Protein backbone atom coordinates (compact mmCIF):
# COMPACT_ATOMS: atom_id res chain seq x y z
CA MET A 1 79.97 -71.71 77.50
CA ARG A 2 80.31 -68.73 80.09
CA ALA A 3 77.50 -67.08 81.61
CA ASP A 4 78.31 -63.70 80.59
CA PRO A 5 79.94 -62.19 77.31
CA SER A 6 83.33 -61.81 78.55
CA ILE A 7 84.91 -62.79 76.01
CA LEU A 8 86.12 -60.15 73.65
CA HIS A 9 87.31 -60.52 69.59
CA VAL A 10 89.21 -57.27 68.45
CA ASP A 11 89.50 -56.99 64.77
CA LEU A 12 91.31 -54.03 63.29
CA ASP A 13 89.19 -52.78 60.58
CA ALA A 14 91.27 -53.53 56.64
CA PHE A 15 94.63 -53.37 59.04
CA PHE A 16 97.62 -53.04 56.42
CA ALA A 17 95.28 -49.90 53.85
CA ALA A 18 94.02 -48.59 56.85
CA VAL A 19 98.15 -47.54 58.50
CA GLU A 20 98.94 -46.70 54.78
CA GLN A 21 95.39 -44.23 54.76
CA ARG A 22 96.53 -43.00 58.39
CA ASP A 23 100.39 -42.33 57.17
CA LYS A 24 99.51 -40.98 53.49
CA PRO A 25 96.78 -38.20 53.76
CA SER A 26 96.21 -37.85 49.91
CA LEU A 27 94.80 -41.62 50.28
CA ARG A 28 92.04 -40.72 52.61
CA GLY A 29 89.16 -41.52 51.57
CA LYS A 30 90.31 -43.17 47.97
CA PRO A 31 90.98 -46.86 47.17
CA VAL A 32 93.81 -48.58 48.53
CA VAL A 33 95.15 -51.87 47.95
CA VAL A 34 98.33 -53.65 49.79
CA GLY A 35 100.27 -56.70 48.82
CA GLY A 36 101.91 -58.00 45.75
CA ILE A 37 102.28 -55.31 42.88
CA GLY A 38 103.44 -57.50 39.88
CA LEU A 39 101.91 -59.80 37.89
CA ARG A 40 101.91 -62.41 40.07
CA GLY A 41 100.88 -60.54 43.20
CA VAL A 42 98.07 -61.60 45.41
CA VAL A 43 96.07 -58.90 47.03
CA SER A 44 96.95 -58.52 51.16
CA THR A 45 94.07 -56.45 52.42
CA ALA A 46 91.92 -53.75 50.39
CA SER A 47 90.65 -50.77 51.53
CA TYR A 48 86.95 -50.10 52.22
CA GLU A 49 86.80 -47.56 48.84
CA ALA A 50 88.40 -50.42 47.16
CA ARG A 51 86.15 -53.47 48.11
CA LYS A 52 83.29 -51.56 46.55
CA TYR A 53 85.18 -52.40 43.61
CA GLY A 54 84.94 -55.96 44.56
CA VAL A 55 88.72 -56.33 45.58
CA ARG A 56 89.47 -58.39 48.16
CA SER A 57 92.23 -60.40 50.61
CA ALA A 58 93.72 -62.87 48.60
CA MET A 59 92.63 -61.84 44.87
CA SER A 60 95.67 -61.45 42.15
CA THR A 61 96.71 -58.23 41.97
CA ALA A 62 95.91 -58.69 38.13
CA GLU A 63 92.11 -58.93 39.23
CA ALA A 64 92.21 -56.31 41.57
CA ARG A 65 93.95 -53.81 39.11
CA SER A 66 90.80 -54.97 36.71
CA ARG A 67 88.35 -53.83 38.82
CA CYS A 68 89.28 -51.03 40.25
CA PRO A 69 92.57 -49.48 37.97
CA HIS A 70 92.12 -46.25 39.75
CA ALA A 71 93.49 -47.01 43.00
CA ALA A 72 96.92 -47.24 44.71
CA TYR A 73 98.63 -50.13 44.79
CA LEU A 74 101.51 -50.61 47.26
CA TRP A 75 104.25 -53.15 48.57
CA PRO A 76 103.87 -53.90 52.51
CA ARG A 77 105.70 -52.08 54.95
CA PHE A 78 105.66 -54.72 57.60
CA GLU A 79 108.11 -53.25 60.32
CA VAL A 80 105.06 -50.17 60.21
CA TYR A 81 102.60 -52.76 60.62
CA ARG A 82 104.28 -54.56 63.70
CA ALA A 83 104.97 -51.45 65.28
CA THR A 84 101.47 -50.79 65.27
CA SER A 85 100.15 -53.59 66.35
CA GLN A 86 101.81 -53.70 69.43
CA ALA A 87 100.50 -50.63 70.72
CA VAL A 88 97.42 -51.41 70.44
CA MET A 89 98.02 -54.92 71.78
CA ALA A 90 99.53 -53.01 74.93
CA GLN A 91 96.18 -51.44 74.78
CA MET A 92 94.13 -54.79 74.89
CA ARG A 93 96.82 -56.28 77.58
CA ALA A 94 95.87 -52.53 79.97
CA LEU A 95 92.54 -54.03 80.24
CA SER A 96 92.82 -57.58 80.48
CA PRO A 97 96.66 -59.41 81.38
CA LEU A 98 94.63 -62.38 79.31
CA VAL A 99 95.02 -61.24 75.85
CA GLU A 100 95.78 -64.28 72.74
CA PRO A 101 97.01 -62.71 69.99
CA LEU A 102 96.06 -64.53 66.70
CA SER A 103 97.80 -62.00 64.23
CA LEU A 104 99.24 -58.52 63.88
CA ASP A 105 95.43 -57.01 63.38
CA GLU A 106 93.08 -59.47 65.56
CA ALA A 107 93.48 -60.70 69.16
CA PHE A 108 90.81 -62.63 71.94
CA VAL A 109 90.36 -60.82 75.51
CA ASP A 110 89.65 -62.46 78.56
CA LEU A 111 87.67 -60.08 80.85
CA SER A 112 87.40 -62.56 83.56
CA ALA A 113 90.54 -62.31 83.66
CA ALA A 114 90.83 -58.67 84.85
CA GLY A 115 88.27 -59.47 87.99
CA LEU A 116 85.14 -58.83 85.72
CA HIS A 117 82.64 -60.95 86.62
CA ASP A 118 78.72 -61.07 86.25
CA LEU A 119 78.95 -58.37 83.22
CA THR A 120 75.94 -57.19 81.57
CA VAL A 121 75.56 -56.71 77.65
CA ASP A 122 75.16 -53.09 78.43
CA ASP A 123 78.49 -53.53 80.64
CA VAL A 124 80.18 -55.12 77.62
CA GLN A 125 79.27 -52.30 75.40
CA ALA A 126 80.61 -49.76 77.26
CA ILE A 127 83.93 -51.70 77.81
CA ALA A 128 84.50 -52.38 74.09
CA ASP A 129 83.46 -48.96 73.32
CA ASP A 130 86.22 -48.05 75.69
CA LEU A 131 88.78 -50.16 74.35
CA LYS A 132 88.11 -48.94 70.95
CA ASP A 133 88.69 -45.38 71.70
CA ALA A 134 91.82 -46.12 73.14
CA ILE A 135 92.96 -48.47 70.23
CA LYS A 136 92.26 -45.60 68.02
CA GLU A 137 93.95 -42.59 70.11
CA ALA A 138 97.27 -45.25 70.45
CA SER A 139 97.32 -46.56 66.66
CA GLY A 140 96.83 -43.05 65.25
CA GLY A 141 93.00 -42.67 63.99
CA LEU A 142 92.51 -46.52 63.82
CA THR A 143 89.34 -48.40 64.04
CA ALA A 144 88.14 -51.59 65.27
CA SER A 145 85.37 -53.84 65.13
CA VAL A 146 84.28 -55.79 68.64
CA GLY A 147 82.55 -58.62 68.89
CA ALA A 148 82.45 -60.39 71.88
CA GLY A 149 80.07 -63.39 73.85
CA THR A 150 80.12 -66.21 76.05
CA SER A 151 82.41 -68.38 73.65
CA LYS A 152 85.44 -67.65 71.25
CA LEU A 153 83.15 -69.19 68.57
CA ILE A 154 80.59 -66.50 68.75
CA ALA A 155 83.05 -63.70 69.51
CA LYS A 156 85.15 -64.21 66.67
CA ILE A 157 81.66 -64.57 64.70
CA ALA A 158 80.05 -61.62 66.25
CA SER A 159 82.90 -58.88 65.05
CA ASP A 160 82.60 -59.49 61.55
CA LEU A 161 78.61 -58.38 61.46
CA ASP A 162 79.06 -54.70 62.06
CA LYS A 163 82.38 -53.73 59.65
CA PRO A 164 84.02 -51.09 59.98
CA ASP A 165 84.11 -49.95 63.67
CA GLY A 166 81.20 -51.71 65.17
CA VAL A 167 80.71 -53.40 68.33
CA VAL A 168 78.20 -56.91 68.43
CA VAL A 169 77.49 -58.73 71.61
CA VAL A 170 75.27 -61.32 71.67
CA PRO A 171 73.31 -62.04 75.42
CA PRO A 172 73.66 -65.22 76.78
CA GLY A 173 71.52 -67.91 75.87
CA THR A 174 71.25 -66.81 72.09
CA GLU A 175 73.86 -68.13 70.88
CA ALA A 176 72.25 -71.01 69.04
CA GLU A 177 69.42 -68.59 67.97
CA PHE A 178 71.94 -66.45 66.87
CA LEU A 179 73.70 -68.39 64.40
CA ALA A 180 70.87 -69.92 62.94
CA PRO A 181 69.76 -67.79 60.26
CA MET A 182 73.84 -67.51 58.97
CA GLN A 183 75.32 -69.77 55.99
CA VAL A 184 77.18 -73.26 57.10
CA THR A 185 80.23 -71.81 55.81
CA VAL A 186 80.20 -69.74 59.56
CA ILE A 187 81.07 -72.52 61.30
CA PRO A 188 85.20 -73.10 61.53
CA GLY A 189 86.51 -76.00 59.66
CA VAL A 190 83.68 -75.74 57.16
CA GLY A 191 84.91 -75.04 53.70
CA PRO A 192 84.31 -75.41 50.22
CA ALA A 193 84.03 -78.74 50.03
CA THR A 194 82.37 -79.50 53.70
CA ALA A 195 79.94 -77.22 52.75
CA GLN A 196 79.44 -79.00 49.05
CA ARG A 197 79.33 -82.34 50.83
CA LEU A 198 76.39 -80.68 53.26
CA SER A 199 74.53 -78.84 50.65
CA MET A 200 73.65 -82.42 49.23
CA ALA A 201 71.85 -83.62 52.33
CA GLY A 202 69.93 -80.34 51.96
CA VAL A 203 72.02 -78.39 54.68
CA ARG A 204 72.84 -75.04 53.98
CA THR A 205 72.17 -72.89 56.86
CA VAL A 206 73.54 -73.54 60.56
CA ALA A 207 70.20 -74.49 61.50
CA ASP A 208 69.79 -76.85 59.15
CA LEU A 209 72.75 -78.05 60.71
CA GLN A 210 70.90 -77.84 64.13
CA LEU A 211 68.57 -80.00 62.84
CA LEU A 212 70.76 -82.89 62.20
CA ASP A 213 71.90 -85.21 64.89
CA GLU A 214 75.55 -86.49 65.14
CA ASP A 215 75.27 -89.65 63.77
CA GLU A 216 73.90 -88.28 60.98
CA LEU A 217 76.60 -85.49 60.66
CA ILE A 218 79.14 -88.24 60.83
CA ARG A 219 77.82 -90.34 58.18
CA GLN A 220 78.13 -86.45 55.89
CA VAL A 221 81.60 -86.03 57.28
CA GLY A 222 83.46 -88.03 58.83
CA SER A 223 83.94 -89.47 62.88
CA ALA A 224 86.03 -86.32 64.39
CA HIS A 225 84.72 -83.26 61.99
CA GLY A 226 81.24 -84.53 62.63
CA THR A 227 81.29 -84.25 66.18
CA SER A 228 83.36 -81.07 66.45
CA LEU A 229 80.24 -79.58 64.38
CA HIS A 230 77.67 -81.14 65.75
CA ARG A 231 79.04 -78.81 68.83
CA LEU A 232 79.70 -75.66 67.45
CA ALA A 233 76.30 -76.23 65.66
CA VAL A 234 75.15 -74.83 69.40
CA ALA A 235 77.53 -72.53 69.80
CA ALA A 236 79.24 -75.61 72.04
CA ASP A 237 82.54 -73.95 72.58
CA ASP A 238 84.90 -73.81 75.75
CA ARG A 239 87.99 -73.30 74.70
CA PRO A 240 89.98 -71.01 76.75
CA VAL A 241 92.01 -67.87 76.31
CA VAL A 242 95.37 -68.69 75.86
CA SER A 243 97.99 -65.31 76.97
CA ASP A 244 100.44 -64.04 74.45
CA ARG A 245 100.46 -67.90 72.04
CA GLU A 246 103.92 -69.45 72.19
CA THR A 247 105.46 -68.68 68.18
CA LYS A 248 104.62 -72.10 66.96
CA SER A 249 107.08 -71.51 63.64
CA VAL A 250 109.72 -69.42 61.89
CA SER A 251 109.07 -69.06 58.03
CA ILE A 252 109.85 -67.07 55.12
CA GLU A 253 107.82 -67.03 51.55
CA ASP A 254 108.60 -65.89 47.92
CA THR A 255 105.82 -64.70 45.70
CA PHE A 256 107.62 -65.20 42.38
CA GLU A 257 106.87 -62.73 39.08
CA THR A 258 106.97 -65.60 36.75
CA ASP A 259 106.99 -69.41 37.38
CA ILE A 260 110.23 -70.61 38.01
CA ILE A 261 111.36 -74.10 36.84
CA ASP A 262 114.95 -73.98 36.82
CA ARG A 263 115.89 -76.48 39.86
CA SER A 264 118.84 -75.09 40.58
CA LEU A 265 117.42 -71.83 41.40
CA LEU A 266 114.77 -72.51 43.43
CA THR A 267 117.77 -74.75 45.12
CA ALA A 268 119.41 -71.15 45.61
CA ILE A 269 116.62 -69.75 46.82
CA SER A 270 115.17 -71.76 49.48
CA GLU A 271 119.03 -72.32 50.66
CA ARG A 272 119.37 -68.19 51.16
CA MET A 273 115.52 -68.28 52.71
CA ALA A 274 116.81 -71.20 54.82
CA HIS A 275 119.72 -69.01 56.56
CA ARG A 276 117.18 -66.19 56.99
CA VAL A 277 115.02 -68.20 58.70
CA ALA A 278 118.02 -69.95 60.97
CA GLU A 279 118.54 -66.00 61.03
CA ARG A 280 115.16 -65.40 63.29
CA LEU A 281 115.80 -68.09 65.53
CA ARG A 282 119.34 -67.24 67.32
CA LYS A 283 117.65 -63.80 67.24
CA ALA A 284 114.69 -65.11 69.16
CA GLN A 285 116.56 -67.69 70.91
CA LEU A 286 115.00 -70.54 69.53
CA SER A 287 115.19 -73.17 67.52
CA GLY A 288 113.20 -76.69 66.01
CA ARG A 289 113.13 -79.76 64.59
CA THR A 290 110.81 -79.65 61.66
CA VAL A 291 111.80 -78.60 58.82
CA THR A 292 108.84 -77.26 56.07
CA VAL A 293 109.22 -76.38 52.35
CA LYS A 294 106.07 -74.95 51.08
CA THR A 295 104.75 -74.27 47.10
CA ARG A 296 102.41 -73.07 45.45
CA MET A 297 102.24 -74.35 41.50
CA HIS A 298 101.36 -72.14 38.54
CA ASP A 299 97.73 -73.67 39.38
CA PHE A 300 97.68 -72.14 42.25
CA THR A 301 97.34 -75.44 44.28
CA THR A 302 99.92 -75.22 47.09
CA HIS A 303 101.79 -78.52 48.38
CA THR A 304 103.79 -78.81 51.92
CA ARG A 305 106.46 -81.25 52.93
CA SER A 306 107.87 -81.59 56.22
CA SER A 307 111.16 -83.40 57.91
CA THR A 308 111.54 -83.68 61.49
CA LEU A 309 114.65 -84.18 62.76
CA ALA A 310 116.46 -85.88 65.51
CA GLY A 311 116.13 -83.63 68.31
CA PRO A 312 116.27 -79.42 67.55
CA THR A 313 118.78 -76.78 65.60
CA ASP A 314 119.30 -73.06 64.81
CA ASP A 315 121.94 -74.04 62.34
CA PRO A 316 121.31 -72.18 58.98
CA ARG A 317 123.63 -75.40 57.37
CA VAL A 318 120.74 -77.86 58.80
CA VAL A 319 117.82 -76.05 58.13
CA ALA A 320 119.04 -75.86 53.91
CA ARG A 321 120.05 -79.36 53.87
CA VAL A 322 116.55 -81.05 54.86
CA ALA A 323 114.63 -78.09 52.66
CA ARG A 324 117.07 -78.70 49.74
CA ARG A 325 115.98 -82.76 50.14
CA LEU A 326 112.70 -81.92 50.76
CA LEU A 327 112.64 -79.64 47.41
CA ASP A 328 114.37 -82.23 46.15
CA ASP A 329 111.56 -84.34 45.77
CA SER A 330 108.93 -81.95 44.73
CA ASP A 331 107.22 -81.63 41.45
CA ILE A 332 108.27 -78.33 39.55
CA SER A 333 107.56 -79.32 36.37
CA GLY A 334 104.41 -76.66 36.24
CA GLY A 335 106.43 -73.80 37.40
CA ILE A 336 106.60 -72.35 41.08
CA ARG A 337 104.70 -69.35 41.41
CA LEU A 338 105.42 -69.09 45.55
CA LEU A 339 108.46 -70.88 47.50
CA GLY A 340 108.70 -70.55 51.28
CA VAL A 341 111.08 -72.89 53.89
CA GLY A 342 110.30 -72.88 57.79
CA VAL A 343 110.69 -74.24 60.87
CA SER A 344 108.81 -75.19 63.77
CA SER A 345 108.34 -77.51 66.67
CA LEU A 346 110.35 -74.68 68.96
CA ALA A 347 112.47 -75.25 71.55
CA ASP A 348 114.72 -72.93 73.80
CA TRP A 349 117.57 -75.31 73.28
CA ILE A 350 120.38 -76.86 70.56
CA GLN A 351 120.86 -80.51 69.41
CA ASP A 352 124.58 -79.78 68.61
CA ASP A 353 124.91 -82.76 66.87
CA LEU A 354 122.33 -83.47 63.87
CA PHE A 355 125.20 -83.05 61.44
CA THR A 356 128.03 -85.61 61.00
CA GLU A 357 131.27 -83.75 60.20
CA SER A 358 131.42 -84.72 56.83
CA GLU A 359 127.54 -83.32 56.67
CA ALA A 360 128.53 -79.96 57.81
CA ASP A 361 131.59 -79.44 55.52
CA GLU A 362 128.92 -80.54 52.90
CA ALA A 363 126.27 -78.13 53.64
CA ALA A 364 128.41 -75.49 54.37
CA GLU A 365 130.11 -75.82 50.64
CA ALA A 366 126.87 -75.77 48.79
CA ALA A 367 125.57 -72.37 51.01
CA VAL A 368 127.95 -70.42 49.97
CA ASP A 369 127.57 -67.58 47.37
CA LEU A 370 124.33 -67.52 46.77
CA PRO A 371 122.68 -65.89 43.36
CA GLU A 372 121.09 -62.15 43.70
CA VAL A 373 117.93 -63.40 42.23
CA PRO A 374 115.60 -60.75 40.94
CA VAL A 375 111.95 -61.91 41.54
CA ARG A 376 110.86 -59.82 44.02
CA PRO A 377 109.75 -55.54 43.20
CA ARG A 378 112.45 -54.74 45.38
CA GLU A 379 115.32 -56.37 43.67
CA ARG A 380 114.72 -54.89 40.39
CA ASP A 381 116.60 -52.26 38.61
CA THR A 382 114.95 -49.38 40.06
CA GLY A 383 115.27 -50.45 44.04
CA TYR A 384 112.31 -48.45 44.60
CA HIS A 385 108.98 -49.84 44.99
CA PRO A 386 105.16 -47.96 45.29
CA GLY A 387 104.63 -47.00 49.18
CA GLN A 388 108.02 -47.10 49.87
CA ASP A 389 109.21 -44.29 53.07
CA VAL A 390 111.99 -41.93 51.36
CA THR A 391 113.69 -38.67 52.67
CA HIS A 392 115.16 -35.67 50.62
CA PRO A 393 117.34 -33.22 52.16
CA THR A 394 115.11 -29.87 51.03
CA TYR A 395 111.29 -31.93 50.58
CA GLY A 396 111.34 -33.75 53.79
CA ALA A 397 110.07 -37.44 54.22
CA GLY A 398 107.91 -38.88 51.55
CA TRP A 399 106.61 -41.93 49.59
CA VAL A 400 107.44 -43.16 46.90
CA TRP A 401 104.40 -42.73 44.44
CA GLY A 402 105.71 -44.82 41.38
CA ALA A 403 109.27 -45.58 39.31
CA GLY A 404 110.37 -46.76 36.33
CA ARG A 405 112.43 -45.76 33.06
CA GLY A 406 115.44 -44.05 35.07
CA ARG A 407 113.33 -41.90 37.30
CA VAL A 408 111.24 -42.45 40.53
CA THR A 409 108.31 -40.26 41.49
CA VAL A 410 107.92 -39.27 45.06
CA ARG A 411 105.04 -37.51 46.62
CA PHE A 412 106.37 -35.60 50.10
CA GLU A 413 103.94 -36.02 52.94
CA THR A 414 103.52 -36.61 56.49
CA PRO A 415 100.24 -38.35 58.75
CA GLU A 416 100.08 -34.24 59.50
CA THR A 417 101.17 -32.54 56.47
CA ARG A 418 100.89 -32.33 52.62
CA GLY A 419 103.98 -31.67 50.40
CA PRO A 420 104.31 -31.41 46.53
CA ILE A 421 105.21 -34.07 44.14
CA ARG A 422 108.56 -34.41 42.71
CA THR A 423 110.33 -36.73 39.83
CA PHE A 424 114.43 -37.48 40.24
CA ALA A 425 116.39 -39.45 38.52
CA LEU A 426 116.97 -42.93 39.92
CA GLU A 427 120.27 -42.69 41.10
CA ASP A 428 119.68 -38.60 43.03
CA PRO A 429 122.38 -39.05 45.66
CA GLU A 430 119.82 -36.44 47.67
CA LEU A 431 117.14 -39.21 47.82
CA THR A 432 117.91 -41.74 50.29
CA LYS A 433 115.37 -44.52 51.55
CA LEU A 434 114.27 -45.27 54.62
CA LYS A 435 114.94 -48.46 56.55
CA HIS A 436 112.54 -49.15 59.20
CA PRO A 437 113.73 -51.30 62.37
CA SER A 438 113.59 -54.95 62.39
CA ALA A 439 112.36 -54.22 58.54
CA ASP A 440 111.62 -57.51 56.34
CA ASP A 441 110.22 -57.38 53.33
CA SER A 442 110.79 -60.91 52.05
CA GLU A 443 107.24 -61.94 54.56
CA GLU A 444 104.33 -63.00 52.36
CA PRO A 445 101.31 -60.36 52.87
CA ALA A 446 98.70 -61.43 55.27
CA ASP A 447 96.06 -59.23 56.89
């Protein structure tokens, strides 16, 4: 650990929902839920107004609707979230050259890399407050919570303690005392199964964990895990902040409105995903060796199967072939609610000869004329989903409030203005959908 609290963890508050409230004035101060909006949807982010009703991330949308039926349920606009995230990350990089993004809405910042040393708690508090102000201005009003400490572990945990819009700086030398009263699940790697094993041994808080010696922990949870927990329980964490972590994988996944048990249909979907993954690889000038297929079953159990190639590729035929074989080996008898295809073990070079000539011809033939599959809200007959940006020559910019029965209702407003609510026929030629640059609605919502 360091001698001063020079590692920050910055976490944007209810990020996806906050962006929607920023861009839609009529939703400010009201419950907003972003994620899958259909029967099989899953909540990605809930605004703090929705959280008061018990809505939380990873909850099924059906349960969220039962808890908070009056919330606005919106499909995510990833392209807008990415643009906002880039503006926020730029403010962090202006503070320090060493920034480690963890996702669109959170990152570690190493203040020592900016030449800031021997920082006091008051110094870091002032730096964090200034950064929060810069983020709010750059993002159009979004708030962030910041934790600061002598390690990544402490900074990450601290950022959760005063949400939203808070700052918590943990003084050096108080780390073990800081962790002691917390539930043991606050330690990374302590999930439900490990927590249950520890509970059976009388360990429920970090203070209980701190009383166990390493040998006893190893007996409870195994060698590798026990050694790690023994160190983290006393905040012994020397992991460095790694600037701009390299992309580890490229993937696409879809959650379906109804469970799919038709193997030929799933194969067609996986091949279409494989082509889109390969397209992303080529745009990023990357290739990869490991192809993974992810399936989530009707009972929410999730399985992944992977295959590693002799060399890296960005060829859609190769990715599709391997994904198809992995899917063929998967049990789909109970129905699939989510399917994903990804490529990892990335490189910046290509292995051109992974296919024999006959294999290439076979794969190319199998990938032709993939059917359009109506499995996502955007692909239904309406062509509109709640939250989607639209424009009209008379009323200007707006967003879809709802659609169905041949009509679409639009609330016309911008972040600075409020306008009327109007209903149009779905085929109205004057109503135009806005497609933002680099948009990709196929990604699984995750905040």
